[in-house]
Amino acid sequence: MTPEVTPEPTPEVSQPEASASENADSLSQDETEDVILGNWVNHIDYSKYFIQPEDFTIDYRKGFGKIEKVYAYAKVDTFLNIREGTSLNSRVVGRLPRKGLCYVIEDKNKDWVYIESGDVRGFVKKEYLQSGKKAARYVKKTGEEKLKKAEPFISPQDNKAFDYSVKTVYDVRQSTGEGIITFADYFLNHPFEDGGTSLDKGIDASHFVFEILTRCGAYDGKIADVEEWKNLGEEIESLEDAQAGDVICYKNHVALYDGQGKLVEAKDEESGIIHERDADEEEILSIRRFVVKVNDEEGSNADVIKNYLLSLGFTKAGIAGIMANIANESYPAFEASSLEFGSIHNTGISSAQYTAMVDSGAISREEVIVSSRFGLYSGGRYGYGLCGFTDPVIKEYLCHYTIDAGKSIGSITGQLDSLIAYLSVYNPGLLSRVKNADSPGAAASAFLREYERCANIDQEEIERMAAAEEIYRVIQ
């Protein structure tokens, strides 16, 4: 068991021949495909598919909301461990040096206090933490910028305590509708005050909306009254089109929509801040959207896939295992609009042409699922996309998270959404094991055998496990 006050870093924590084209004329169609794709697989230089780390960063506080600072510092002579949970058996995720600065985020009156310091978020024993007026005076006297912050032992995406709360003292650059509502819910039952501006001491409807949107990084304009909100942001046509985090304007009132038919609002002096009324209880005059749609597919395809999985908490080993399979299912590697080689040969339609035909409606949603016109293999099926999506049930998920969501069927994030949703229902055990994997090869093997289940699986396993180890080295 690691002592809470340590004189040095805790020892148990570690940081982690003839070309295919020359031979193609003498081979069958399937053999040609095997040669071309086999050569492709064996000669992939995975490093070229990734942007260098310094050129691409993840906003780990996306969807968080900014709160006022509550200062604290480590009341120890050496170092104070920051843990992933509220137990001495919980993993150490970082440490605070003597009088190192942190901010109290949650559970200030409990034995384990949830704190934030730099990119380290986790729990510390209250007895080793100095907070309150004494800490505030010390910070003011010394200078906040001069005080040392926590030293991380693991990255934020590997820290399960990082999103224990969506509160943060740091600026939030990217908002999400769900994050706005989660943050707003922290202030339920706080008092209403006509003309008030304090989320804790009393606030009115328009100031409540302003404070929540501003602190969540969704709005950077001036304070607006009830009438002015009707002309700000992006107009949404109807309640059916409204999403979590949208602002709904009524006569003499404004509130936040939770995406599930209810409002989060500073209602009146009797009710305070509540989350219970139906959004259509009163006549809606306008619905406005402030959550900026961030291009979630910036960077190379490989980077988009990597960062998507990082944002869901996958280990790098698990990511490498999935990406090794994707690289070997799509051609070229990591290409989301990849149509099965045999279908291209049979129809003369390229991957790009097929994607455009689906997006335009020339190829129907039903045709995407049953794949009768383009199939060459058993059941008339063909593969498309990052994972060579083939099974009709899997393709139903693919269509739901791309076409039905208003995205291109070749959307990387749409396809990944469909993959995660499918595994959550049909193989949650595999999803959990890959998500928490510590071996790239084992993750690749499990994903291949339990999800992809392709032909020549023993040979494919060898190649994909090797690819996973290579990708793991690249993304480390």
Protein backbone atom coordinates (compact mmCIF):
# COMPACT_ATOMS: atom_id res chain seq x y z
CA MET A 1 0.00 0.00 0.00
CA THR A 2 1.45 3.34 -0.99
CA PRO A 3 1.71 5.90 1.85
CA GLU A 4 -0.09 9.16 1.14
CA VAL A 5 2.96 11.28 1.90
CA THR A 6 5.96 10.09 -0.09
CA PRO A 7 9.62 11.23 -0.03
CA GLU A 8 10.08 10.12 -3.64
CA PRO A 9 8.05 8.89 -6.62
CA THR A 10 6.03 5.81 -5.73
CA PRO A 11 7.94 2.74 -6.99
CA GLU A 12 4.90 0.84 -8.21
CA VAL A 13 3.92 3.56 -10.71
CA SER A 14 5.68 3.24 -14.06
CA GLN A 15 5.38 5.27 -17.18
CA PRO A 16 4.60 3.43 -19.36
CA GLU A 17 9.80 -10.05 -55.08
CA ALA A 18 7.59 -9.41 -58.41
CA SER A 19 4.99 -6.75 -57.78
CA ALA A 20 1.29 -7.56 -57.37
CA SER A 21 0.46 -5.85 -60.67
CA GLU A 22 2.99 -8.02 -62.56
CA ASN A 23 1.43 -11.23 -61.23
CA ALA A 24 -2.20 -10.12 -61.35
CA ASP A 25 -2.94 -11.28 -64.92
CA SER A 26 -2.30 -14.94 -64.08
CA LEU A 27 -4.41 -14.95 -60.89
CA SER A 28 -8.12 -15.18 -60.17
CA GLN A 29 -9.98 -12.13 -58.96
CA ASP A 30 -9.93 -13.28 -55.32
CA GLU A 31 -6.24 -14.25 -55.56
CA THR A 32 -5.43 -10.85 -57.07
CA GLU A 33 -7.16 -9.14 -54.19
CA ASP A 34 -5.24 -11.25 -51.68
CA VAL A 35 -1.90 -10.40 -53.31
CA ILE A 36 -2.57 -6.67 -53.57
CA LEU A 37 -3.96 -6.31 -50.07
CA GLY A 38 -1.38 -8.69 -48.65
CA ASN A 39 1.48 -6.64 -50.06
CA TRP A 40 -0.24 -3.49 -48.85
CA VAL A 41 -0.56 -4.87 -45.31
CA ASN A 42 3.04 -6.07 -45.14
CA HIS A 43 4.50 -2.76 -46.23
CA ILE A 44 2.44 -0.19 -44.33
CA ASP A 45 4.51 2.59 -42.78
CA TYR A 46 2.08 3.54 -40.04
CA SER A 47 4.00 6.59 -38.87
CA LYS A 48 3.13 8.52 -42.04
CA TYR A 49 -0.57 8.34 -41.23
CA PHE A 50 -0.26 10.32 -38.00
CA ILE A 51 0.32 14.02 -37.42
CA GLN A 52 3.11 14.60 -34.93
CA PRO A 53 1.86 15.01 -31.34
CA GLU A 54 2.96 18.64 -31.08
CA ASP A 55 0.72 19.49 -34.04
CA PHE A 56 -2.46 17.89 -32.69
CA THR A 57 -3.86 18.21 -29.18
CA ILE A 58 -6.98 16.92 -27.47
CA ASP A 59 -9.20 19.11 -25.35
CA TYR A 60 -9.70 16.82 -22.38
CA ARG A 61 -12.06 19.33 -20.75
CA LYS A 62 -14.45 19.40 -23.69
CA GLY A 63 -17.98 19.57 -22.28
CA PHE A 64 -16.83 20.86 -18.87
CA GLY A 65 -17.97 24.07 -17.15
CA LYS A 66 -15.83 26.68 -15.40
CA ILE A 67 -16.35 27.42 -11.70
CA GLU A 68 -14.84 29.89 -9.25
CA LYS A 69 -11.50 28.89 -7.76
CA VAL A 70 -11.34 27.37 -4.29
CA TYR A 71 -7.66 27.32 -3.39
CA ALA A 72 -5.83 24.60 -1.50
CA TYR A 73 -2.26 23.39 -1.13
CA ALA A 74 -0.45 20.25 0.00
CA LYS A 75 0.13 20.36 3.75
CA VAL A 76 3.10 17.96 3.70
CA ASP A 77 6.88 18.02 3.91
CA THR A 78 7.49 15.91 0.79
CA PHE A 79 4.77 14.94 -1.69
CA LEU A 80 1.03 14.27 -1.53
CA ASN A 81 -0.38 11.45 -3.66
CA ILE A 82 -3.37 12.14 -5.91
CA ARG A 83 -5.40 8.99 -6.44
CA GLU A 84 -7.87 7.66 -8.98
CA GLY A 85 -10.38 6.73 -6.27
CA THR A 86 -11.22 7.23 -2.61
CA SER A 87 -9.05 4.43 -1.26
CA LEU A 88 -5.42 3.83 -0.41
CA ASN A 89 -5.64 0.94 -2.87
CA SER A 90 -6.58 3.28 -5.72
CA ARG A 91 -3.97 4.01 -8.37
CA VAL A 92 -1.76 7.07 -7.90
CA VAL A 93 -2.32 9.36 -10.90
CA GLY A 94 -0.06 12.21 -9.83
CA ARG A 95 1.45 13.99 -6.84
CA LEU A 96 1.54 17.45 -5.34
CA PRO A 97 4.84 18.81 -4.01
CA ARG A 98 5.04 20.51 -0.62
CA LYS A 99 2.71 23.52 -0.72
CA GLY A 100 1.84 22.66 -4.31
CA LEU A 101 -1.28 24.44 -5.52
CA CYS A 102 -4.54 22.72 -6.32
CA TYR A 103 -8.20 23.65 -6.57
CA VAL A 104 -11.05 21.98 -4.70
CA ILE A 105 -13.64 20.77 -7.20
CA GLU A 106 -15.91 18.37 -5.27
CA ASP A 107 -16.40 16.69 -1.88
CA LYS A 108 -14.75 19.40 0.20
CA ASN A 109 -16.28 18.07 3.41
CA LYS A 110 -15.47 14.40 2.84
CA ASP A 111 -12.41 12.40 3.92
CA TRP A 112 -11.29 12.26 0.28
CA VAL A 113 -11.45 15.60 -1.55
CA TYR A 114 -11.63 15.77 -5.35
CA ILE A 115 -9.09 18.29 -6.62
CA GLU A 116 -7.60 19.62 -9.84
CA SER A 117 -4.05 20.80 -10.45
CA GLY A 118 -2.80 21.30 -13.99
CA ASP A 119 -3.79 18.21 -15.97
CA VAL A 120 -4.07 16.05 -12.86
CA ARG A 121 -7.53 15.44 -11.42
CA GLY A 122 -8.24 13.03 -8.58
CA PHE A 123 -8.66 12.47 -4.86
CA VAL A 124 -6.45 13.40 -1.92
CA LYS A 125 -6.83 12.78 1.81
CA LYS A 126 -8.41 15.84 3.41
CA GLU A 127 -6.04 15.74 6.40
CA TYR A 128 -3.09 16.54 4.12
CA LEU A 129 -4.82 19.45 2.37
CA GLN A 130 -4.83 23.07 3.52
CA SER A 131 -7.83 24.97 2.20
CA GLY A 132 -10.06 27.84 3.29
CA LYS A 133 -8.95 31.35 4.17
CA LYS A 134 -5.42 30.29 5.11
CA ALA A 135 -4.86 28.81 1.66
CA ALA A 136 -6.38 31.84 -0.07
CA ARG A 137 -4.09 34.19 1.88
CA TYR A 138 -1.04 32.08 1.03
CA VAL A 139 -1.87 32.09 -2.69
CA LYS A 140 -2.46 35.84 -2.69
CA LYS A 141 0.79 36.53 -0.84
CA THR A 142 2.97 34.16 -2.88
CA GLY A 143 1.34 34.64 -6.30
CA GLU A 144 -0.73 31.95 -7.96
CA GLU A 145 1.50 31.80 -11.02
CA LYS A 146 4.59 31.10 -8.87
CA LEU A 147 3.18 28.06 -7.09
CA LYS A 148 3.99 24.58 -8.34
CA LYS A 149 1.25 22.34 -9.72
CA ALA A 150 0.83 18.58 -9.60
CA GLU A 151 3.18 16.22 -11.42
CA PRO A 152 1.20 13.75 -13.58
CA PHE A 153 2.03 10.05 -13.51
CA ILE A 154 -0.45 9.09 -16.25
CA SER A 155 -2.13 10.97 -19.09
CA PRO A 156 -5.64 12.42 -18.68
CA GLN A 157 -7.23 9.88 -21.04
CA ASP A 158 -5.91 7.04 -18.87
CA ASN A 159 -7.15 8.64 -15.63
CA LYS A 160 -10.61 7.30 -14.81
CA ALA A 161 -11.07 10.08 -12.24
CA PHE A 162 -10.53 12.87 -14.78
CA ASP A 163 -14.22 13.24 -15.61
CA TYR A 164 -15.56 12.43 -12.12
CA SER A 165 -16.92 15.98 -12.32
CA VAL A 166 -17.43 18.31 -15.28
CA LYS A 167 -16.44 21.28 -13.12
CA THR A 168 -13.08 22.90 -13.77
CA VAL A 169 -11.29 26.13 -12.87
CA TYR A 170 -9.68 26.33 -16.30
CA ASP A 171 -11.11 27.90 -19.46
CA VAL A 172 -13.31 25.56 -21.51
CA ARG A 173 -12.64 25.78 -25.25
CA GLN A 174 -15.23 23.33 -26.57
CA SER A 175 -18.76 22.88 -25.32
CA THR A 176 -21.18 19.99 -25.69
CA GLY A 177 -24.93 20.06 -25.18
CA GLU A 178 -24.80 17.20 -22.69
CA GLY A 179 -21.99 18.93 -20.81
CA ILE A 180 -24.03 22.11 -20.54
CA ILE A 181 -26.95 20.27 -18.97
CA THR A 182 -24.74 18.24 -16.63
CA PHE A 183 -23.04 21.44 -15.46
CA ALA A 184 -26.37 23.28 -15.08
CA ASP A 185 -27.70 20.45 -12.91
CA TYR A 186 -25.01 21.14 -10.31
CA PHE A 187 -26.94 24.27 -9.36
CA LEU A 188 -30.35 22.69 -8.86
CA ASN A 189 -32.26 24.03 -5.84
CA HIS A 190 -30.07 27.12 -5.69
CA PRO A 191 -32.11 30.31 -5.15
CA PHE A 192 -33.76 32.52 -7.75
CA GLU A 193 -33.38 36.28 -7.40
CA ASP A 194 -34.87 38.82 -9.77
CA GLY A 195 -31.89 40.65 -11.26
CA GLY A 196 -29.49 38.29 -9.49
CA THR A 197 -26.22 37.19 -11.10
CA SER A 198 -24.84 34.58 -8.68
CA LEU A 199 -25.30 30.87 -9.36
CA ASP A 200 -24.88 30.23 -5.64
CA LYS A 201 -26.56 33.19 -3.93
CA GLY A 202 -29.36 33.99 -6.35
CA ILE A 203 -29.86 34.43 -10.09
CA ASP A 204 -32.61 35.18 -12.60
CA ALA A 205 -33.52 33.28 -15.78
CA SER A 206 -31.48 35.23 -18.32
CA HIS A 207 -28.40 35.46 -16.11
CA PHE A 208 -28.64 31.72 -15.41
CA VAL A 209 -28.54 30.91 -19.13
CA PHE A 210 -25.72 33.41 -19.64
CA GLU A 211 -23.58 32.03 -16.79
CA ILE A 212 -24.00 28.39 -17.81
CA LEU A 213 -23.29 28.96 -21.52
CA THR A 214 -20.33 31.23 -20.78
CA ARG A 215 -18.74 28.89 -18.25
CA CYS A 216 -19.17 25.94 -20.62
CA GLY A 217 -17.42 27.76 -23.47
CA ALA A 218 -20.53 27.98 -25.66
CA TYR A 219 -21.06 31.75 -25.53
CA ASP A 220 -18.63 34.65 -25.35
CA GLY A 221 -20.97 37.57 -25.91
CA LYS A 222 -22.39 40.16 -23.54
CA ILE A 223 -25.16 39.53 -21.06
CA ALA A 224 -28.57 39.39 -22.74
CA ASP A 225 -32.03 39.93 -21.33
CA VAL A 226 -35.00 37.64 -21.98
CA GLU A 227 -35.96 39.42 -25.21
CA GLU A 228 -32.42 39.60 -26.61
CA TRP A 229 -31.86 35.83 -26.36
CA LYS A 230 -34.46 35.41 -29.13
CA ASN A 231 -32.07 36.94 -31.67
CA LEU A 232 -28.78 35.35 -30.61
CA GLY A 233 -27.17 32.11 -31.71
CA GLU A 234 -28.44 29.82 -34.47
CA GLU A 235 -32.19 29.56 -34.93
CA ILE A 236 -33.67 26.05 -34.61
CA GLU A 237 -36.95 25.43 -36.42
CA SER A 238 -38.85 23.26 -33.95
CA LEU A 239 -38.67 21.41 -30.64
CA GLU A 240 -38.27 18.17 -32.62
CA ASP A 241 -34.96 19.55 -33.94
CA ALA A 242 -33.79 20.85 -30.56
CA GLN A 243 -30.80 19.29 -28.81
CA ALA A 244 -29.40 19.29 -25.31
CA GLY A 245 -27.94 22.69 -24.46
CA ASP A 246 -30.23 24.69 -26.76
CA VAL A 247 -31.88 27.82 -25.36
CA ILE A 248 -35.68 28.01 -25.45
CA CYS A 249 -37.29 31.43 -25.34
CA TYR A 250 -40.77 32.11 -24.00
CA LYS A 251 -42.72 35.25 -23.21
CA ASN A 252 -40.79 36.86 -20.35
CA HIS A 253 -38.69 33.74 -19.76
CA VAL A 254 -35.71 31.78 -21.09
CA ALA A 255 -34.40 28.31 -20.21
CA LEU A 256 -32.02 25.51 -21.23
CA TYR A 257 -33.34 22.43 -23.03
CA ASP A 258 -32.08 19.03 -21.83
CA GLY A 259 -32.67 17.15 -25.09
CA GLN A 260 -35.23 14.89 -23.40
CA GLY A 261 -38.27 17.17 -23.34
CA LYS A 262 -37.46 18.99 -20.09
CA LEU A 263 -36.06 22.37 -19.05
CA VAL A 264 -33.27 23.40 -16.70
CA GLU A 265 -34.17 26.89 -15.55
CA ALA A 266 -34.07 29.55 -12.90
CA LYS A 267 -37.86 29.66 -12.65
CA ASP A 268 -39.02 31.95 -9.83
CA GLU A 269 -38.47 32.75 -6.16
CA GLU A 270 -40.65 29.89 -5.01
CA SER A 271 -39.03 27.20 -7.17
CA GLY A 272 -35.43 28.37 -7.58
CA ILE A 273 -33.32 26.48 -10.13
CA ILE A 274 -35.17 23.35 -11.25
CA HIS A 275 -35.02 20.57 -13.85
CA GLU A 276 -38.55 19.24 -14.08
CA ARG A 277 -40.90 21.18 -16.37
CA ASP A 278 -41.85 20.10 -19.89
CA ALA A 279 -40.39 22.31 -22.60
CA ASP A 280 -43.75 22.62 -24.37
CA GLU A 281 -45.68 23.57 -21.23
CA GLU A 282 -45.74 27.15 -22.49
CA GLU A 283 -45.78 28.60 -26.00
CA ILE A 284 -42.26 28.51 -27.46
CA LEU A 285 -41.31 31.75 -29.23
CA SER A 286 -37.81 30.79 -30.36
CA ILE A 287 -35.16 28.10 -29.99
CA ARG A 288 -31.51 29.12 -30.24
CA ARG A 289 -28.32 27.04 -30.47
CA PHE A 290 -24.93 28.16 -29.14
CA VAL A 291 -22.96 24.93 -29.06
CA VAL A 292 -20.47 25.38 -31.88
CA LYS A 293 -20.17 22.38 -34.18
CA VAL A 294 -16.46 21.67 -34.03
CA ASN A 295 -14.97 19.83 -36.97
CA ASP A 296 -14.32 16.53 -35.25
CA GLU A 297 -12.55 15.13 -38.27
CA GLU A 298 -9.58 17.49 -38.40
CA GLY A 299 -6.16 15.95 -38.84
CA SER A 300 -5.31 12.75 -40.68
CA ASN A 301 -7.79 9.87 -40.71
CA ALA A 302 -5.53 7.96 -38.33
CA ASP A 303 -5.43 10.89 -35.93
CA VAL A 304 -9.22 11.25 -36.01
CA ILE A 305 -9.63 7.57 -35.15
CA LYS A 306 -6.97 7.69 -32.44
CA ASN A 307 -8.36 10.80 -30.79
CA TYR A 308 -11.94 9.60 -31.02
CA LEU A 309 -11.01 6.46 -29.08
CA LEU A 310 -8.85 8.42 -26.64
CA SER A 311 -11.83 10.66 -25.88
CA LEU A 312 -13.83 7.55 -24.91
CA GLY A 313 -11.15 6.42 -22.47
CA PHE A 314 -9.53 3.63 -24.51
CA THR A 315 -5.99 2.72 -23.55
CA LYS A 316 -3.34 3.21 -26.22
CA ALA A 317 -2.93 -0.56 -26.39
CA GLY A 318 -6.64 -0.96 -27.08
CA ILE A 319 -6.55 1.79 -29.68
CA ALA A 320 -3.62 0.13 -31.45
CA GLY A 321 -5.50 -3.18 -31.49
CA ILE A 322 -8.57 -1.66 -33.14
CA MET A 323 -6.55 0.46 -35.55
CA ALA A 324 -4.51 -2.54 -36.67
CA ASN A 325 -7.74 -4.21 -37.74
CA ILE A 326 -9.03 -1.04 -39.41
CA ALA A 327 -5.78 -0.62 -41.32
CA ASN A 328 -6.14 -4.14 -42.68
CA GLU A 329 -9.85 -3.93 -43.45
CA SER A 330 -9.83 -0.60 -45.31
CA TYR A 331 -7.85 0.19 -48.44
CA PRO A 332 -5.92 2.45 -48.33
CA ALA A 333 -5.35 2.14 -44.58
CA PHE A 334 -7.80 4.12 -42.41
CA GLU A 335 -9.94 5.14 -45.41
CA ALA A 336 -13.57 5.39 -44.24
CA SER A 337 -15.07 5.44 -47.75
CA SER A 338 -13.46 2.14 -48.68
CA LEU A 339 -15.61 -0.20 -50.79
CA GLU A 340 -14.68 -3.85 -50.90
CA PHE A 341 -12.13 -4.55 -53.64
CA GLY A 342 -14.24 -7.25 -55.28
CA SER A 343 -17.25 -4.95 -55.58
CA ILE A 344 -15.15 -2.28 -57.24
CA HIS A 345 -13.88 -4.87 -59.72
CA ASN A 346 -17.35 -6.25 -60.36
CA THR A 347 -19.22 -2.95 -60.82
CA GLY A 348 -16.59 -0.53 -62.02
CA ILE A 349 -17.74 1.92 -59.34
CA SER A 350 -14.98 3.38 -57.19
CA SER A 351 -15.15 3.83 -53.42
CA ALA A 352 -15.58 7.59 -53.85
CA GLN A 353 -18.35 7.15 -56.42
CA TYR A 354 -20.22 4.68 -54.22
CA THR A 355 -19.99 7.03 -51.22
CA ALA A 356 -21.29 9.95 -53.28
CA MET A 357 -24.17 7.84 -54.64
CA VAL A 358 -25.24 6.85 -51.14
CA ASP A 359 -24.96 10.42 -49.84
CA SER A 360 -27.07 11.73 -52.76
CA GLY A 361 -29.72 9.02 -52.36
CA ALA A 362 -28.97 7.34 -55.70
CA ILE A 363 -28.22 4.24 -53.64
CA SER A 364 -30.86 3.80 -50.96
CA ARG A 365 -30.41 3.10 -47.26
CA GLU A 366 -32.04 -0.30 -47.80
CA GLU A 367 -29.61 -1.12 -50.60
CA VAL A 368 -26.68 -0.23 -48.34
CA ILE A 369 -27.93 -2.79 -45.83
CA VAL A 370 -28.92 -5.67 -48.15
CA SER A 371 -26.13 -4.93 -50.67
CA SER A 372 -27.72 -6.96 -53.43
CA ARG A 373 -26.35 -4.99 -56.38
CA PHE A 374 -22.77 -4.88 -55.18
CA GLY A 375 -22.32 -8.19 -53.37
CA LEU A 376 -20.01 -10.92 -54.57
CA TYR A 377 -19.86 -13.18 -51.57
CA SER A 378 -22.21 -15.29 -49.47
CA GLY A 379 -25.64 -13.73 -49.06
CA GLY A 380 -24.82 -11.06 -51.61
CA ARG A 381 -22.96 -9.04 -49.02
CA TYR A 382 -20.06 -6.66 -49.47
CA GLY A 383 -17.86 -4.75 -47.09
CA TYR A 384 -17.65 -0.99 -46.76
CA GLY A 385 -15.91 1.43 -44.45
CA LEU A 386 -13.26 1.36 -41.77
CA CYS A 387 -14.08 -2.13 -40.53
CA GLY A 388 -15.33 -3.56 -43.82
CA PHE A 389 -18.86 -3.40 -42.37
CA THR A 390 -20.71 -6.36 -43.93
CA ASP A 391 -23.37 -7.95 -41.74
CA PRO A 392 -26.87 -6.43 -42.27
CA VAL A 393 -27.31 -5.76 -38.54
CA ILE A 394 -23.95 -3.98 -38.42
CA LYS A 395 -24.88 -2.03 -41.56
CA GLU A 396 -28.15 -1.02 -39.92
CA TYR A 397 -26.08 0.57 -37.16
CA LEU A 398 -23.80 2.12 -39.79
CA CYS A 399 -26.76 3.77 -41.55
CA HIS A 400 -28.30 4.96 -38.28
CA TYR A 401 -25.15 6.79 -37.18
CA THR A 402 -24.26 8.20 -40.60
CA ILE A 403 -27.17 8.61 -43.03
CA ASP A 404 -29.86 9.00 -40.36
CA ALA A 405 -27.66 11.45 -38.43
CA GLY A 406 -27.26 13.67 -41.50
CA LYS A 407 -23.64 12.65 -42.06
CA SER A 408 -21.89 11.14 -45.05
CA ILE A 409 -21.80 7.38 -44.96
CA GLY A 410 -18.05 7.89 -45.24
CA SER A 411 -17.90 9.89 -41.98
CA ILE A 412 -15.13 8.57 -39.77
CA THR A 413 -16.79 9.57 -36.51
CA GLY A 414 -20.19 8.37 -37.70
CA GLN A 415 -18.73 4.94 -38.50
CA LEU A 416 -16.95 4.81 -35.15
CA ASP A 417 -20.17 5.82 -33.38
CA SER A 418 -21.89 2.89 -35.08
CA LEU A 419 -19.11 0.49 -34.11
CA ILE A 420 -19.19 1.45 -30.43
CA ALA A 421 -22.99 1.37 -30.33
CA TYR A 422 -23.08 -2.09 -31.95
CA LEU A 423 -20.47 -3.55 -29.59
CA SER A 424 -22.22 -2.01 -26.58
CA VAL A 425 -25.28 -4.08 -27.41
CA TYR A 426 -23.93 -7.25 -29.02
CA ASN A 427 -20.52 -7.73 -27.38
CA PRO A 428 -20.02 -5.43 -24.37
CA GLY A 429 -17.45 -7.82 -22.96
CA LEU A 430 -15.19 -7.40 -25.99
CA LEU A 431 -15.67 -3.63 -25.89
CA SER A 432 -14.64 -3.50 -22.23
CA ARG A 433 -11.61 -5.75 -22.71
CA VAL A 434 -10.30 -3.82 -25.71
CA LYS A 435 -11.01 -0.48 -24.05
CA ASN A 436 -8.92 -1.44 -21.01
CA ALA A 437 -6.32 -3.57 -22.82
CA ASP A 438 -2.67 -3.41 -21.81
CA SER A 439 -1.41 -5.51 -24.73
CA PRO A 440 -1.75 -4.18 -28.32
CA GLY A 441 -1.41 -7.67 -29.79
CA ALA A 442 -4.01 -9.21 -27.50
CA ALA A 443 -6.42 -6.36 -28.28
CA ALA A 444 -5.93 -6.86 -32.03
CA SER A 445 -6.46 -10.61 -31.72
CA ALA A 446 -9.63 -10.26 -29.64
CA PHE A 447 -11.13 -7.67 -32.00
CA LEU A 448 -10.29 -9.84 -35.02
CA ARG A 449 -11.67 -13.10 -33.64
CA GLU A 450 -14.76 -11.73 -31.89
CA TYR A 451 -15.79 -8.96 -34.28
CA GLU A 452 -14.12 -9.07 -37.69
CA ARG A 453 -14.06 -12.90 -38.04
CA CYS A 454 -12.54 -12.68 -41.50
CA ALA A 455 -11.23 -15.44 -43.78
CA ASN A 456 -7.71 -16.81 -43.27
CA ILE A 457 -8.04 -15.74 -39.66
CA ASP A 458 -4.88 -17.42 -38.35
CA GLN A 459 -2.65 -15.63 -40.87
CA GLU A 460 -4.59 -12.40 -40.38
CA GLU A 461 -4.05 -12.68 -36.63
CA ILE A 462 -0.28 -12.80 -37.08
CA GLU A 463 -0.30 -9.76 -39.37
CA ARG A 464 -2.71 -7.71 -37.27
CA MET A 465 -0.97 -8.41 -33.99
CA ALA A 466 2.30 -7.25 -35.57
CA ALA A 467 0.55 -4.17 -36.97
CA ALA A 468 -0.88 -3.38 -33.53
CA GLU A 469 2.58 -3.42 -31.96
CA GLU A 470 3.87 -1.08 -34.68
CA ILE A 471 0.93 1.34 -34.31
CA TYR A 472 1.37 1.27 -30.53
CA ARG A 473 5.00 2.39 -30.94
CA VAL A 474 3.90 5.20 -33.26
CA ILE A 475 1.21 6.61 -30.94
CA GLN A 476 3.23 6.29 -27.72
